Amino acid sequence: MAALDQQIGELVAPLAPQMEQLTSLLDAQQAFSSIPWGDVFVRVQDFVTQAGEVGPMVEAKALALVHQHLLQQATVSASQDCFVLLTTMALVVMPLVFFLRQRQAD
């Protein structure tokens, strides 16, 4: 079992620098395309007010909506990353499975 863990570690190790590069690229893209929080929060507050909320609960509900949306985006992004990693690992490991067959003695 330890040998299998070591082999998987060796297969995944080359992906680490690429993941770091893609993460920094994504961070740079988000920095250039980000909308100021003030603009986002004002629009969400307007939405909550139009929905019929009044008083001090407007700000609390607006924060809750922004939090829920950001959590949903993070979940989708994490799912996509896991899908790409698992697909890559499956494509790399699948050809190796064919070599695991034991030949029958004649």
Protein backbone atom coordinates (compact mmCIF):
# COMPACT_ATOMS: atom_id res chain seq x y z
CA MET A 1 0.00 0.00 0.00
CA ALA A 2 2.89 2.36 0.77
CA ALA A 3 4.34 1.69 -2.68
CA LEU A 4 1.05 2.68 -4.30
CA ASP A 5 0.96 5.89 -2.23
CA GLN A 6 4.51 6.65 -3.33
CA GLN A 7 3.65 6.07 -7.01
CA ILE A 8 0.61 8.34 -6.78
CA GLY A 9 2.74 10.97 -5.06
CA GLU A 10 5.28 10.76 -7.88
CA LEU A 11 2.50 11.17 -10.46
CA VAL A 12 0.96 14.18 -8.74
CA ALA A 13 4.24 15.94 -7.83
CA PRO A 14 4.82 17.44 -11.32
CA LEU A 15 1.37 19.07 -11.13
CA ALA A 16 2.30 21.23 -8.11
CA PRO A 17 4.30 23.91 -10.00
CA GLN A 18 1.63 24.10 -12.68
CA MET A 19 -1.08 24.52 -10.03
CA GLU A 20 0.92 27.34 -8.40
CA GLN A 21 1.33 29.05 -11.77
CA LEU A 22 -2.38 28.76 -12.57
CA THR A 23 -3.31 30.02 -9.11
CA SER A 24 -1.15 33.12 -9.48
CA LEU A 25 -2.58 33.71 -12.97
CA LEU A 26 -6.13 33.41 -11.61
CA ASP A 27 -5.30 35.83 -8.78
CA ALA A 28 -3.95 38.35 -11.29
CA GLN A 29 -7.07 38.05 -13.47
CA GLN A 30 -9.35 38.57 -10.49
CA ALA A 31 -7.37 41.61 -9.35
CA PHE A 32 -7.83 43.28 -12.74
CA SER A 33 -11.50 42.41 -13.11
CA SER A 34 -12.69 42.94 -9.56
CA ILE A 35 -15.56 45.29 -8.83
CA PRO A 36 -15.22 47.50 -5.74
CA TRP A 37 -17.07 46.02 -2.76
CA GLY A 38 -18.96 49.26 -2.27
CA ASP A 39 -20.62 48.90 -5.68
CA VAL A 40 -21.51 45.26 -5.07
CA PHE A 41 -22.88 45.84 -1.61
CA VAL A 42 -25.00 48.85 -2.64
CA ARG A 43 -26.61 46.84 -5.44
CA VAL A 44 -27.36 43.94 -3.13
CA GLN A 45 -28.83 46.33 -0.55
CA ASP A 46 -31.04 47.82 -3.27
CA PHE A 47 -32.17 44.32 -4.23
CA VAL A 48 -33.05 43.48 -0.62
CA THR A 49 -34.92 46.79 -0.23
CA GLN A 50 -36.90 46.14 -3.42
CA ALA A 51 -37.80 42.71 -2.01
CA GLY A 52 -39.59 44.51 0.84
CA GLU A 53 -37.10 44.50 3.70
CA VAL A 54 -36.80 47.67 5.80
CA GLY A 55 -34.72 48.89 8.68
CA PRO A 56 -31.49 47.45 10.07
CA MET A 57 -32.14 44.00 8.60
CA VAL A 58 -31.35 45.29 5.09
CA GLU A 59 -27.61 45.31 5.76
CA ALA A 60 -27.64 41.93 7.51
CA LYS A 61 -29.60 40.26 4.72
CA ALA A 62 -27.40 41.89 2.07
CA LEU A 63 -24.29 40.51 3.79
CA ALA A 64 -25.93 37.08 4.01
CA LEU A 65 -26.74 37.13 0.28
CA VAL A 66 -23.18 38.15 -0.66
CA HIS A 67 -21.78 35.47 1.65
CA GLN A 68 -24.05 32.81 0.14
CA HIS A 69 -23.09 33.81 -3.40
CA LEU A 70 -19.35 33.78 -2.67
CA LEU A 71 -19.63 30.42 -0.95
CA GLN A 72 -21.45 29.02 -3.97
CA GLN A 73 -18.77 30.34 -6.35
CA ALA A 74 -16.00 28.86 -4.20
CA THR A 75 -17.76 25.49 -4.13
CA VAL A 76 -18.15 25.39 -7.91
CA SER A 77 -14.53 26.41 -8.43
CA ALA A 78 -13.31 23.72 -6.03
CA SER A 79 -15.48 21.10 -7.77
CA GLN A 80 -14.02 22.06 -11.14
CA ASP A 81 -10.49 21.79 -9.79
CA CYS A 82 -11.19 18.35 -8.31
CA PHE A 83 -12.76 17.19 -11.59
CA VAL A 84 -9.72 18.28 -13.61
CA LEU A 85 -7.33 16.62 -11.16
CA LEU A 86 -9.28 13.34 -11.06
CA THR A 87 -9.66 13.26 -14.84
CA THR A 88 -5.93 13.84 -15.30
CA MET A 89 -5.08 11.13 -12.80
CA ALA A 90 -7.50 8.69 -14.46
CA LEU A 91 -6.00 9.35 -17.88
CA VAL A 92 -2.50 8.81 -16.55
CA VAL A 93 -3.29 5.70 -14.52
CA MET A 94 -5.63 3.95 -16.98
CA PRO A 95 -2.89 2.80 -19.39
CA LEU A 96 -0.91 1.46 -16.43
CA VAL A 97 -3.86 -0.76 -15.46
CA PHE A 98 -3.43 -2.76 -18.65
CA PHE A 99 0.05 -3.78 -17.53
CA LEU A 100 -1.26 -5.18 -14.23
CA ARG A 101 -2.82 -8.28 -15.80
CA GLN A 102 -1.28 -11.56 -14.84
CA ARG A 103 -0.50 -13.88 -17.68
CA GLN A 104 -1.91 -17.37 -17.41
CA ALA A 105 0.55 -20.23 -17.50
CA ASP A 106 0.12 -22.54 -20.50
